[in-house]
Amino acid sequence: MTIKLHCFGESGNSYKAALALELSGLDWEPVFVDFFNGASRTPEFRAENVMGEAPLLVDGEFRLSQSGAIQQWITDRTGKFGGAPEDKYEVLRWVLWDNHKLSSMAGMTRFLMNFLPEKHRNADVIAFCQGRLKATYHVLNSHLEGRDWIVGDGLSNADLSCCAYLYYPEPFGFDRAEWAHIDRWLSNIQNTPGWKHPYDLMPGNPSDRA
């Protein structure tokens, strides 16, 4: 049975799950969530996922939301992206760090700058968020000095989680050219066979609403 991932292209959190599925070799397909027209807030969607968020993975009767949990489910199914046994908690540490420090702030800042109606954009709030993000980029960039991957010697859930928002073209205060070690690391992920850009991997693109 084909795994279904309810997702949309603009969602970095959806991308973490979609990219892990794509690179894992599991049989899966994306199901478009029309987030910007309120699809995730409908009673029908809430019946599937009480959290009302994308991504949502469906495998038969099994339902799972939250990108980090989905990534771990993929690892448990395939043995991929978990890192060496001794690195299990280091991989988890970086996934949790990303969810709290990087993706949460990048996702919000990108939304405020690009998807919120311009009249509602607060310059002070955006500047504060970008300041927090700059400190986060410093942490990641310093950690990647002399490393090809965040943990260990290969692609792991740490990489798949932390990279997600950094591939998006919409401005939110990140220019990979300014962060040499992050830039090299992102290229390593892009050069992984099967890698796809979020707008190529999932349905949904800002141009659809232009």
N, C-alpha and C. Protein backbone atom coordinates (compact mmCIF):
# COMPACT_ATOMS: atom_id res chain seq x y z
N MET A 1 0.84 -1.20 0.00
CA MET A 1 0.00 0.00 0.00
C MET A 1 0.88 1.25 0.00
N THR A 2 0.54 2.19 -0.85
CA THR A 2 1.32 3.42 -0.96
C THR A 2 1.11 4.32 0.25
N ILE A 3 2.20 4.77 0.83
CA ILE A 3 2.15 5.73 1.94
C ILE A 3 1.70 7.07 1.38
N LYS A 4 0.85 7.76 2.09
CA LYS A 4 0.41 9.09 1.67
C LYS A 4 0.93 10.12 2.67
N LEU A 5 1.47 11.19 2.14
CA LEU A 5 1.90 12.30 2.98
C LEU A 5 1.08 13.52 2.63
N HIS A 6 0.24 13.96 3.54
CA HIS A 6 -0.54 15.18 3.37
C HIS A 6 0.41 16.36 3.64
N CYS A 7 0.59 17.20 2.64
CA CYS A 7 1.65 18.19 2.70
C CYS A 7 1.37 19.31 1.71
N PHE A 8 2.20 20.33 1.73
CA PHE A 8 2.13 21.37 0.69
C PHE A 8 3.52 21.97 0.51
N GLY A 9 3.79 22.42 -0.71
CA GLY A 9 5.15 22.79 -1.10
C GLY A 9 5.77 23.89 -0.29
N GLU A 10 4.96 24.83 0.20
CA GLU A 10 5.52 25.96 0.93
C GLU A 10 5.95 25.59 2.35
N SER A 11 5.60 24.41 2.81
CA SER A 11 5.85 24.01 4.19
C SER A 11 7.20 23.33 4.36
N GLY A 12 8.10 23.99 5.07
CA GLY A 12 9.39 23.39 5.35
C GLY A 12 9.27 22.15 6.21
N ASN A 13 8.33 22.15 7.13
CA ASN A 13 8.14 20.95 7.96
C ASN A 13 7.64 19.78 7.13
N SER A 14 6.76 20.05 6.17
CA SER A 14 6.34 18.99 5.26
C SER A 14 7.53 18.47 4.45
N TYR A 15 8.41 19.40 4.07
CA TYR A 15 9.56 19.02 3.25
C TYR A 15 10.48 18.04 3.98
N LYS A 16 10.64 18.22 5.29
CA LYS A 16 11.48 17.30 6.06
C LYS A 16 10.98 15.86 5.90
N ALA A 17 9.68 15.67 6.02
CA ALA A 17 9.10 14.34 5.90
C ALA A 17 9.13 13.84 4.46
N ALA A 18 8.79 14.74 3.53
CA ALA A 18 8.75 14.34 2.12
C ALA A 18 10.13 13.96 1.61
N LEU A 19 11.14 14.72 1.98
CA LEU A 19 12.49 14.42 1.51
C LEU A 19 12.99 13.11 2.12
N ALA A 20 12.69 12.89 3.39
CA ALA A 20 13.08 11.62 4.02
C ALA A 20 12.40 10.45 3.32
N LEU A 21 11.12 10.58 3.00
CA LEU A 21 10.42 9.52 2.27
C LEU A 21 11.04 9.30 0.90
N GLU A 22 11.30 10.40 0.20
CA GLU A 22 11.84 10.29 -1.16
C GLU A 22 13.20 9.59 -1.17
N LEU A 23 14.05 9.95 -0.23
CA LEU A 23 15.41 9.39 -0.20
C LEU A 23 15.44 8.00 0.42
N SER A 24 14.39 7.64 1.14
CA SER A 24 14.37 6.33 1.80
C SER A 24 14.09 5.18 0.85
N GLY A 25 13.44 5.49 -0.28
CA GLY A 25 13.05 4.45 -1.21
C GLY A 25 11.69 3.85 -0.94
N LEU A 26 11.00 4.32 0.11
CA LEU A 26 9.65 3.84 0.38
C LEU A 26 8.68 4.30 -0.72
N ASP A 27 7.63 3.54 -0.93
CA ASP A 27 6.60 3.88 -1.91
C ASP A 27 5.66 4.89 -1.26
N TRP A 28 5.65 6.11 -1.79
CA TRP A 28 4.83 7.16 -1.18
C TRP A 28 4.31 8.11 -2.24
N GLU A 29 3.31 8.89 -1.87
CA GLU A 29 2.81 9.93 -2.75
C GLU A 29 2.32 11.11 -1.92
N PRO A 30 2.50 12.32 -2.45
CA PRO A 30 2.02 13.50 -1.72
C PRO A 30 0.53 13.72 -1.95
N VAL A 31 -0.14 14.22 -0.92
CA VAL A 31 -1.55 14.62 -1.01
C VAL A 31 -1.60 16.10 -0.63
N PHE A 32 -2.07 16.92 -1.54
CA PHE A 32 -2.02 18.37 -1.35
C PHE A 32 -2.95 18.83 -0.23
N VAL A 33 -2.40 19.60 0.69
CA VAL A 33 -3.19 20.28 1.72
C VAL A 33 -3.25 21.75 1.32
N ASP A 34 -4.44 22.23 1.02
CA ASP A 34 -4.60 23.62 0.57
C ASP A 34 -4.60 24.54 1.80
N PHE A 35 -3.44 24.66 2.39
CA PHE A 35 -3.27 25.35 3.67
C PHE A 35 -3.77 26.79 3.61
N PHE A 36 -3.44 27.49 2.54
CA PHE A 36 -3.73 28.92 2.47
C PHE A 36 -5.22 29.21 2.26
N ASN A 37 -5.98 28.17 1.95
CA ASN A 37 -7.43 28.31 1.89
C ASN A 37 -8.12 27.58 3.04
N GLY A 38 -7.34 27.31 4.10
CA GLY A 38 -7.92 26.79 5.33
C GLY A 38 -8.15 25.30 5.41
N ALA A 39 -7.56 24.52 4.50
CA ALA A 39 -7.85 23.08 4.48
C ALA A 39 -7.46 22.37 5.78
N SER A 40 -6.39 22.83 6.40
CA SER A 40 -5.94 22.13 7.62
C SER A 40 -6.80 22.44 8.83
N ARG A 41 -7.72 23.40 8.69
CA ARG A 41 -8.59 23.77 9.81
C ARG A 41 -10.01 23.21 9.68
N THR A 42 -10.24 22.43 8.64
CA THR A 42 -11.58 21.88 8.43
C THR A 42 -11.84 20.72 9.38
N PRO A 43 -13.11 20.46 9.71
CA PRO A 43 -13.43 19.30 10.56
C PRO A 43 -12.93 17.99 9.97
N GLU A 44 -12.96 17.88 8.65
CA GLU A 44 -12.52 16.65 8.00
C GLU A 44 -11.03 16.40 8.25
N PHE A 45 -10.22 17.45 8.11
CA PHE A 45 -8.79 17.29 8.34
C PHE A 45 -8.51 17.06 9.82
N ARG A 46 -9.21 17.78 10.69
CA ARG A 46 -9.02 17.62 12.13
C ARG A 46 -9.41 16.22 12.59
N ALA A 47 -10.33 15.60 11.90
CA ALA A 47 -10.69 14.23 12.23
C ALA A 47 -9.54 13.27 11.95
N GLU A 48 -8.72 13.60 10.96
CA GLU A 48 -7.55 12.80 10.64
C GLU A 48 -6.37 13.15 11.55
N ASN A 49 -6.26 14.43 11.89
CA ASN A 49 -5.13 14.92 12.67
C ASN A 49 -5.62 16.01 13.60
N VAL A 50 -5.80 15.66 14.86
CA VAL A 50 -6.36 16.60 15.82
C VAL A 50 -5.49 17.85 15.97
N MET A 51 -4.20 17.75 15.65
CA MET A 51 -3.31 18.91 15.74
C MET A 51 -3.55 19.90 14.61
N GLY A 52 -4.22 19.47 13.55
CA GLY A 52 -4.55 20.37 12.46
C GLY A 52 -3.35 20.91 11.72
N GLU A 53 -2.32 20.10 11.55
CA GLU A 53 -1.08 20.55 10.93
C GLU A 53 -0.64 19.62 9.82
N ALA A 54 0.15 20.14 8.92
CA ALA A 54 0.86 19.33 7.93
C ALA A 54 2.35 19.39 8.31
N PRO A 55 3.03 18.25 8.12
CA PRO A 55 2.63 17.05 7.40
C PRO A 55 1.82 16.07 8.26
N LEU A 56 1.11 15.23 7.55
CA LEU A 56 0.41 14.10 8.15
C LEU A 56 0.70 12.88 7.29
N LEU A 57 1.27 11.85 7.89
CA LEU A 57 1.56 10.61 7.19
C LEU A 57 0.44 9.62 7.43
N VAL A 58 -0.02 8.98 6.36
CA VAL A 58 -1.07 7.97 6.44
C VAL A 58 -0.56 6.70 5.78
N ASP A 59 -0.55 5.61 6.54
CA ASP A 59 -0.15 4.31 6.02
C ASP A 59 -1.22 3.31 6.44
N GLY A 60 -2.18 3.09 5.56
CA GLY A 60 -3.31 2.25 5.92
C GLY A 60 -4.13 2.93 7.01
N GLU A 61 -4.27 2.26 8.13
CA GLU A 61 -5.01 2.81 9.27
C GLU A 61 -4.12 3.65 10.18
N PHE A 62 -2.84 3.66 9.90
CA PHE A 62 -1.89 4.36 10.76
C PHE A 62 -1.81 5.84 10.38
N ARG A 63 -1.83 6.71 11.37
CA ARG A 63 -1.72 8.15 11.18
C ARG A 63 -0.60 8.69 12.06
N LEU A 64 0.19 9.60 11.51
CA LEU A 64 1.26 10.20 12.31
C LEU A 64 1.54 11.61 11.81
N SER A 65 1.55 12.56 12.73
CA SER A 65 1.92 13.94 12.40
C SER A 65 3.20 14.29 13.14
N GLN A 66 3.69 15.50 12.88
CA GLN A 66 4.94 16.04 13.40
C GLN A 66 6.13 15.46 12.61
N SER A 67 6.86 16.35 11.97
CA SER A 67 7.91 15.92 11.04
C SER A 67 8.98 15.05 11.71
N GLY A 68 9.38 15.42 12.94
CA GLY A 68 10.42 14.64 13.61
C GLY A 68 9.97 13.23 13.90
N ALA A 69 8.71 13.07 14.29
CA ALA A 69 8.17 11.73 14.54
C ALA A 69 8.09 10.94 13.24
N ILE A 70 7.68 11.59 12.16
CA ILE A 70 7.61 10.92 10.86
C ILE A 70 9.00 10.49 10.40
N GLN A 71 9.97 11.36 10.58
CA GLN A 71 11.34 10.99 10.22
C GLN A 71 11.80 9.75 10.99
N GLN A 72 11.50 9.69 12.28
CA GLN A 72 11.90 8.53 13.07
C GLN A 72 11.15 7.28 12.63
N TRP A 73 9.89 7.42 12.25
CA TRP A 73 9.12 6.29 11.73
C TRP A 73 9.78 5.75 10.46
N ILE A 74 10.22 6.65 9.59
CA ILE A 74 10.90 6.23 8.36
C ILE A 74 12.19 5.49 8.70
N THR A 75 12.93 6.02 9.67
CA THR A 75 14.16 5.36 10.10
C THR A 75 13.87 3.96 10.64
N ASP A 76 12.83 3.84 11.45
CA ASP A 76 12.48 2.54 12.01
C ASP A 76 12.04 1.56 10.94
N ARG A 77 11.42 2.07 9.89
CA ARG A 77 10.97 1.20 8.79
C ARG A 77 12.13 0.77 7.90
N THR A 78 13.08 1.65 7.68
CA THR A 78 14.09 1.42 6.65
C THR A 78 15.51 1.24 7.18
N GLY A 79 15.77 1.67 8.40
CA GLY A 79 17.13 1.65 8.93
C GLY A 79 17.98 2.81 8.45
N LYS A 80 17.37 3.74 7.72
CA LYS A 80 18.13 4.86 7.16
C LYS A 80 17.97 6.12 8.00
N PHE A 81 19.00 6.96 7.97
CA PHE A 81 18.99 8.33 8.51
C PHE A 81 19.04 8.40 10.04
N GLY A 82 19.22 7.26 10.68
CA GLY A 82 19.31 7.28 12.15
C GLY A 82 20.72 7.49 12.66
N GLY A 83 21.71 7.41 11.76
CA GLY A 83 23.10 7.51 12.18
C GLY A 83 23.57 6.20 12.81
N ALA A 84 24.84 6.19 13.20
CA ALA A 84 25.38 5.02 13.88
C ALA A 84 24.69 4.85 15.24
N PRO A 85 24.63 3.63 15.76
CA PRO A 85 23.93 3.42 17.05
C PRO A 85 24.40 4.35 18.15
N GLU A 86 25.69 4.62 18.20
CA GLU A 86 26.21 5.49 19.25
C GLU A 86 25.85 6.96 19.03
N ASP A 87 25.32 7.29 17.84
CA ASP A 87 24.96 8.68 17.52
C ASP A 87 23.47 8.94 17.65
N LYS A 88 22.71 7.96 18.11
CA LYS A 88 21.25 8.07 18.17
C LYS A 88 20.79 9.34 18.87
N TYR A 89 21.35 9.62 20.03
CA TYR A 89 20.88 10.77 20.80
C TYR A 89 21.45 12.08 20.27
N GLU A 90 22.60 12.02 19.61
CA GLU A 90 23.14 13.22 18.99
C GLU A 90 22.27 13.64 17.81
N VAL A 91 21.81 12.67 17.03
CA VAL A 91 20.88 12.98 15.94
C VAL A 91 19.61 13.58 16.50
N LEU A 92 19.05 12.97 17.54
CA LEU A 92 17.84 13.49 18.16
C LEU A 92 18.05 14.89 18.71
N ARG A 93 19.21 15.13 19.31
CA ARG A 93 19.51 16.44 19.87
C ARG A 93 19.43 17.53 18.81
N TRP A 94 19.97 17.26 17.63
CA TRP A 94 19.95 18.26 16.56
C TRP A 94 18.56 18.41 15.95
N VAL A 95 17.79 17.33 15.88
CA VAL A 95 16.42 17.44 15.39
C VAL A 95 15.61 18.34 16.33
N LEU A 96 15.76 18.13 17.63
CA LEU A 96 15.03 18.95 18.59
C LEU A 96 15.52 20.40 18.57
N TRP A 97 16.82 20.58 18.42
CA TRP A 97 17.38 21.93 18.31
C TRP A 97 16.81 22.65 17.10
N ASP A 98 16.77 21.94 15.97
CA ASP A 98 16.20 22.55 14.77
C ASP A 98 14.74 22.94 14.98
N ASN A 99 13.96 22.03 15.53
CA ASN A 99 12.53 22.30 15.70
C ASN A 99 12.30 23.53 16.56
N HIS A 100 13.15 23.74 17.56
CA HIS A 100 12.97 24.85 18.49
C HIS A 100 13.66 26.13 18.02
N LYS A 101 14.89 26.02 17.55
CA LYS A 101 15.70 27.20 17.28
C LYS A 101 15.72 27.65 15.82
N LEU A 102 15.72 26.69 14.90
CA LEU A 102 15.91 27.03 13.49
C LEU A 102 14.59 27.03 12.71
N SER A 103 13.97 25.88 12.58
CA SER A 103 12.77 25.81 11.74
C SER A 103 11.61 26.64 12.26
N SER A 104 11.41 26.63 13.57
CA SER A 104 10.28 27.40 14.11
C SER A 104 10.43 28.88 13.80
N MET A 105 11.64 29.40 13.98
CA MET A 105 11.88 30.82 13.75
C MET A 105 11.95 31.14 12.25
N ALA A 106 12.60 30.27 11.47
CA ALA A 106 12.68 30.51 10.03
C ALA A 106 11.30 30.44 9.39
N GLY A 107 10.49 29.46 9.80
CA GLY A 107 9.15 29.33 9.24
C GLY A 107 8.29 30.55 9.55
N MET A 108 8.35 31.02 10.80
CA MET A 108 7.55 32.17 11.17
C MET A 108 8.02 33.43 10.46
N THR A 109 9.33 33.63 10.39
CA THR A 109 9.87 34.84 9.74
C THR A 109 9.55 34.85 8.26
N ARG A 110 9.69 33.70 7.62
CA ARG A 110 9.37 33.60 6.20
C ARG A 110 7.89 33.87 5.96
N PHE A 111 7.03 33.37 6.85
CA PHE A 111 5.60 33.63 6.72
C PHE A 111 5.30 35.12 6.88
N LEU A 112 5.88 35.74 7.90
CA LEU A 112 5.64 37.16 8.15
C LEU A 112 6.08 38.03 6.99
N MET A 113 7.18 37.65 6.34
CA MET A 113 7.75 38.48 5.29
C MET A 113 7.15 38.24 3.91
N ASN A 114 6.55 37.06 3.72
CA ASN A 114 6.15 36.70 2.35
C ASN A 114 4.69 36.33 2.18
N PHE A 115 4.06 35.78 3.20
CA PHE A 115 2.72 35.24 3.05
C PHE A 115 1.67 36.01 3.85
N LEU A 116 2.09 36.77 4.84
CA LEU A 116 1.16 37.62 5.58
C LEU A 116 0.89 38.87 4.75
N PRO A 117 -0.36 39.33 4.69
CA PRO A 117 -0.62 40.58 3.95
C PRO A 117 0.29 41.70 4.43
N GLU A 118 0.79 42.47 3.50
CA GLU A 118 1.82 43.47 3.81
C GLU A 118 1.39 44.43 4.92
N LYS A 119 0.12 44.78 4.97
CA LYS A 119 -0.34 45.74 5.98
C LYS A 119 -0.22 45.20 7.40
N HIS A 120 -0.07 43.89 7.53
CA HIS A 120 0.03 43.28 8.86
C HIS A 120 1.48 42.95 9.25
N ARG A 121 2.43 43.26 8.40
CA ARG A 121 3.83 42.93 8.68
C ARG A 121 4.44 43.95 9.63
N ASN A 122 4.94 43.47 10.74
CA ASN A 122 5.53 44.33 11.76
C ASN A 122 7.04 44.29 11.63
N ALA A 123 7.64 45.41 11.25
CA ALA A 123 9.08 45.46 10.99
C ALA A 123 9.89 45.13 12.24
N ASP A 124 9.42 45.56 13.40
CA ASP A 124 10.16 45.28 14.64
C ASP A 124 10.16 43.78 14.97
N VAL A 125 9.03 43.15 14.78
CA VAL A 125 8.95 41.72 15.03
C VAL A 125 9.84 40.95 14.06
N ILE A 126 9.80 41.33 12.80
CA ILE A 126 10.64 40.68 11.79
C ILE A 126 12.11 40.86 12.13
N ALA A 127 12.52 42.05 12.52
CA ALA A 127 13.92 42.30 12.87
C ALA A 127 14.34 41.46 14.07
N PHE A 128 13.46 41.34 15.05
CA PHE A 128 13.76 40.51 16.22
C PHE A 128 13.97 39.06 15.80
N CYS A 129 13.06 38.54 14.98
CA CYS A 129 13.17 37.16 14.51
C CYS A 129 14.46 36.93 13.72
N GLN A 130 14.80 37.88 12.87
CA GLN A 130 16.02 37.73 12.07
C GLN A 130 17.26 37.75 12.94
N GLY A 131 17.22 38.53 14.02
CA GLY A 131 18.33 38.53 14.96
C GLY A 131 18.50 37.19 15.63
N ARG A 132 17.38 36.60 16.04
CA ARG A 132 17.44 35.26 16.64
C ARG A 132 17.97 34.24 15.63
N LEU A 133 17.53 34.36 14.38
CA LEU A 133 17.98 33.44 13.35
C LEU A 133 19.48 33.57 13.08
N LYS A 134 19.99 34.80 13.08
CA LYS A 134 21.41 34.99 12.81
C LYS A 134 22.26 34.26 13.85
N ALA A 135 21.85 34.32 15.11
CA ALA A 135 22.57 33.60 16.15
C ALA A 135 22.50 32.09 15.90
N THR A 136 21.36 31.63 15.41
CA THR A 136 21.19 30.20 15.12
C THR A 136 22.07 29.77 13.96
N TYR A 137 22.14 30.60 12.92
CA TYR A 137 23.02 30.27 11.79
C TYR A 137 24.47 30.17 12.24
N HIS A 138 24.87 31.03 13.17
CA HIS A 138 26.24 30.97 13.69
C HIS A 138 26.51 29.62 14.34
N VAL A 139 25.57 29.13 15.13
CA VAL A 139 25.74 27.84 15.79
C VAL A 139 25.93 26.73 14.76
N LEU A 140 25.05 26.69 13.76
CA LEU A 140 25.11 25.63 12.75
C LEU A 140 26.36 25.76 11.90
N ASN A 141 26.69 26.97 11.48
CA ASN A 141 27.86 27.18 10.63
C ASN A 141 29.14 26.77 11.35
N SER A 142 29.26 27.13 12.62
CA SER A 142 30.45 26.76 13.40
C SER A 142 30.54 25.26 13.57
N HIS A 143 29.42 24.62 13.83
CA HIS A 143 29.42 23.17 14.01
C HIS A 143 29.85 22.45 12.74
N LEU A 144 29.50 22.99 11.58
CA LEU A 144 29.78 22.32 10.30
C LEU A 144 31.20 22.57 9.80
N GLU A 145 31.95 23.41 10.46
CA GLU A 145 33.34 23.62 10.03
C GLU A 145 34.10 22.30 10.13
N GLY A 146 34.64 21.86 9.01
CA GLY A 146 35.39 20.61 8.97
C GLY A 146 34.52 19.37 8.94
N ARG A 147 33.20 19.53 8.80
CA ARG A 147 32.28 18.39 8.77
C ARG A 147 31.48 18.40 7.47
N ASP A 148 31.22 17.22 6.93
CA ASP A 148 30.34 17.10 5.78
C ASP A 148 28.88 16.98 6.19
N TRP A 149 28.66 16.43 7.41
CA TRP A 149 27.31 16.18 7.89
C TRP A 149 27.21 16.63 9.34
N ILE A 150 26.01 16.87 9.81
CA ILE A 150 25.85 17.37 11.17
C ILE A 150 26.30 16.34 12.19
N VAL A 151 25.96 15.09 11.96
CA VAL A 151 26.33 14.01 12.89
C VAL A 151 26.92 12.86 12.07
N GLY A 152 28.09 12.40 12.48
CA GLY A 152 28.66 11.21 11.86
C GLY A 152 29.14 11.43 10.44
N ASP A 153 29.15 10.33 9.70
CA ASP A 153 29.78 10.32 8.37
C ASP A 153 28.78 10.23 7.22
N GLY A 154 27.49 10.46 7.49
CA GLY A 154 26.53 10.37 6.42
C GLY A 154 25.27 11.15 6.73
N LEU A 155 24.40 11.21 5.75
CA LEU A 155 23.13 11.93 5.87
C LEU A 155 22.28 11.31 6.97
N SER A 156 21.77 12.15 7.86
CA SER A 156 20.91 11.66 8.94
C SER A 156 19.69 12.57 9.09
N ASN A 157 18.82 12.19 10.00
CA ASN A 157 17.65 13.02 10.27
C ASN A 157 18.05 14.40 10.78
N ALA A 158 19.22 14.53 11.36
CA ALA A 158 19.69 15.85 11.78
C ALA A 158 19.82 16.77 10.57
N ASP A 159 20.41 16.25 9.50
CA ASP A 159 20.57 17.04 8.27
C ASP A 159 19.22 17.31 7.61
N LEU A 160 18.38 16.27 7.52
CA LEU A 160 17.10 16.41 6.85
C LEU A 160 16.19 17.39 7.57
N SER A 161 16.34 17.49 8.88
CA SER A 161 15.54 18.44 9.64
C SER A 161 16.07 19.86 9.50
N CYS A 162 17.36 20.02 9.72
CA CYS A 162 17.94 21.38 9.75
C CYS A 162 17.97 22.05 8.38
N CYS A 163 18.02 21.28 7.31
CA CYS A 163 18.19 21.89 5.99
C CYS A 163 16.90 22.47 5.42
N ALA A 164 15.75 22.03 5.93
CA ALA A 164 14.49 22.17 5.19
C ALA A 164 14.18 23.59 4.75
N TYR A 165 14.18 24.54 5.67
CA TYR A 165 13.79 25.91 5.31
C TYR A 165 14.88 26.63 4.53
N LEU A 166 16.09 26.12 4.56
CA LEU A 166 17.21 26.85 3.98
C LEU A 166 17.29 26.74 2.46
N TYR A 167 16.45 25.92 1.86
CA TYR A 167 16.40 25.81 0.40
C TYR A 167 15.36 26.73 -0.24
N TYR A 168 14.51 27.33 0.56
CA TYR A 168 13.42 28.12 -0.02
C TYR A 168 13.93 29.45 -0.58
N PRO A 169 13.37 29.89 -1.72
CA PRO A 169 13.85 31.11 -2.36
C PRO A 169 13.30 32.40 -1.76
N GLU A 170 12.19 32.32 -1.02
CA GLU A 170 11.60 33.54 -0.47
C GLU A 170 12.51 34.13 0.60
N PRO A 171 12.67 35.46 0.63
CA PRO A 171 13.59 36.08 1.60
C PRO A 171 13.06 35.99 3.02
N PHE A 172 13.96 35.63 3.93
CA PHE A 172 13.61 35.69 5.36
C PHE A 172 14.83 35.97 6.21
N GLY A 173 15.92 36.42 5.55
CA GLY A 173 17.11 36.78 6.30
C GLY A 173 18.20 35.73 6.24
N PHE A 174 18.15 34.87 5.24
CA PHE A 174 19.20 33.85 5.07
C PHE A 174 19.73 33.90 3.66
N ASP A 175 21.05 34.07 3.55
CA ASP A 175 21.75 33.99 2.27
C ASP A 175 22.87 32.98 2.45
N ARG A 176 22.73 31.83 1.84
CA ARG A 176 23.70 30.76 2.09
C ARG A 176 25.11 31.15 1.70
N ALA A 177 25.26 32.08 0.78
CA ALA A 177 26.60 32.52 0.37
C ALA A 177 27.35 33.19 1.52
N GLU A 178 26.63 33.67 2.52
CA GLU A 178 27.25 34.34 3.66
C GLU A 178 27.74 33.35 4.73
N TRP A 179 27.39 32.08 4.56
CA TRP A 179 27.70 31.07 5.57
C TRP A 179 28.40 29.90 4.86
N ALA A 180 29.71 29.96 4.80
CA ALA A 180 30.47 29.04 3.94
C ALA A 180 30.26 27.57 4.30
N HIS A 181 30.25 27.25 5.56
CA HIS A 181 30.12 25.85 5.95
C HIS A 181 28.70 25.34 5.76
N ILE A 182 27.71 26.19 6.01
CA ILE A 182 26.32 25.81 5.73
C ILE A 182 26.13 25.63 4.23
N ASP A 183 26.70 26.51 3.45
CA ASP A 183 26.57 26.44 1.99
C ASP A 183 27.14 25.12 1.47
N ARG A 184 28.30 24.74 1.94
CA ARG A 184 28.92 23.48 1.51
C ARG A 184 28.07 22.29 1.91
N TRP A 185 27.56 22.32 3.14
CA TRP A 185 26.71 21.25 3.65
C TRP A 185 25.41 21.12 2.85
N LEU A 186 24.78 22.26 2.53
CA LEU A 186 23.56 22.22 1.71
C LEU A 186 23.85 21.62 0.34
N SER A 187 25.02 21.92 -0.20
CA SER A 187 25.40 21.32 -1.49
C SER A 187 25.58 19.81 -1.36
N ASN A 188 26.13 19.36 -0.23
CA ASN A 188 26.28 17.92 -0.01
C ASN A 188 24.91 17.24 -0.05
N ILE A 189 23.93 17.85 0.59
CA ILE A 189 22.58 17.26 0.60
C ILE A 189 21.99 17.28 -0.80
N GLN A 190 22.15 18.40 -1.50
CA GLN A 190 21.62 18.50 -2.86
C GLN A 190 22.24 17.48 -3.80
N ASN A 191 23.47 17.09 -3.54
CA ASN A 191 24.16 16.13 -4.39
C ASN A 191 23.83 14.69 -4.03
N THR A 192 23.00 14.48 -3.02
CA THR A 192 22.55 13.14 -2.69
C THR A 192 21.61 12.63 -3.78
N PRO A 193 21.85 11.45 -4.33
CA PRO A 193 20.96 10.94 -5.39
C PRO A 193 19.51 10.91 -4.93
N GLY A 194 18.63 11.48 -5.74
CA GLY A 194 17.22 11.51 -5.42
C GLY A 194 16.75 12.79 -4.79
N TRP A 195 17.68 13.69 -4.43
CA TRP A 195 17.28 14.96 -3.80
C TRP A 195 16.40 15.78 -4.75
N LYS A 196 15.40 16.42 -4.19
CA LYS A 196 14.56 17.32 -4.96
C LYS A 196 14.27 18.58 -4.14
N HIS A 197 14.14 19.69 -4.84
CA HIS A 197 13.74 20.94 -4.21
C HIS A 197 12.30 20.81 -3.70
N PRO A 198 11.97 21.51 -2.60
CA PRO A 198 10.60 21.36 -2.07
C PRO A 198 9.50 21.64 -3.07
N TYR A 199 9.68 22.62 -3.96
CA TYR A 199 8.63 22.94 -4.92
C TYR A 199 8.56 21.92 -6.06
N ASP A 200 9.57 21.06 -6.17
CA ASP A 200 9.53 19.97 -7.14
C ASP A 200 9.04 18.67 -6.51
N LEU A 201 9.13 18.58 -5.19
CA LEU A 201 8.80 17.34 -4.50
C LEU A 201 7.35 17.29 -4.05
N MET A 202 6.77 18.46 -3.75
CA MET A 202 5.42 18.51 -3.19
C MET A 202 4.54 19.48 -3.98
N PRO A 203 3.24 19.24 -4.03
CA PRO A 203 2.34 20.19 -4.69
C PRO A 203 2.17 21.44 -3.84
N GLY A 204 1.97 22.57 -4.51
CA GLY A 204 1.79 23.83 -3.82
C GLY A 204 3.00 24.73 -4.01
N ASN A 205 2.76 25.93 -4.54
CA ASN A 205 3.82 26.87 -4.86
C ASN A 205 3.23 28.27 -4.81
N PRO A 206 3.96 29.26 -4.30
CA PRO A 206 3.41 30.62 -4.30
C PRO A 206 2.91 31.10 -5.66
N SER A 207 3.52 30.60 -6.73
CA SER A 207 3.08 31.00 -8.06
C SER A 207 1.66 30.56 -8.35
N ASP A 208 1.19 29.52 -7.64
CA ASP A 208 -0.18 29.05 -7.84
C ASP A 208 -1.19 30.11 -7.40
N ARG A 209 -0.77 30.98 -6.48
CA ARG A 209 -1.69 31.97 -5.94
C ARG A 209 -1.40 33.37 -6.47
N ALA A 210 -0.44 33.47 -7.38
CA ALA A 210 -0.05 34.80 -7.90
C ALA A 210 -1.18 35.39 -8.73
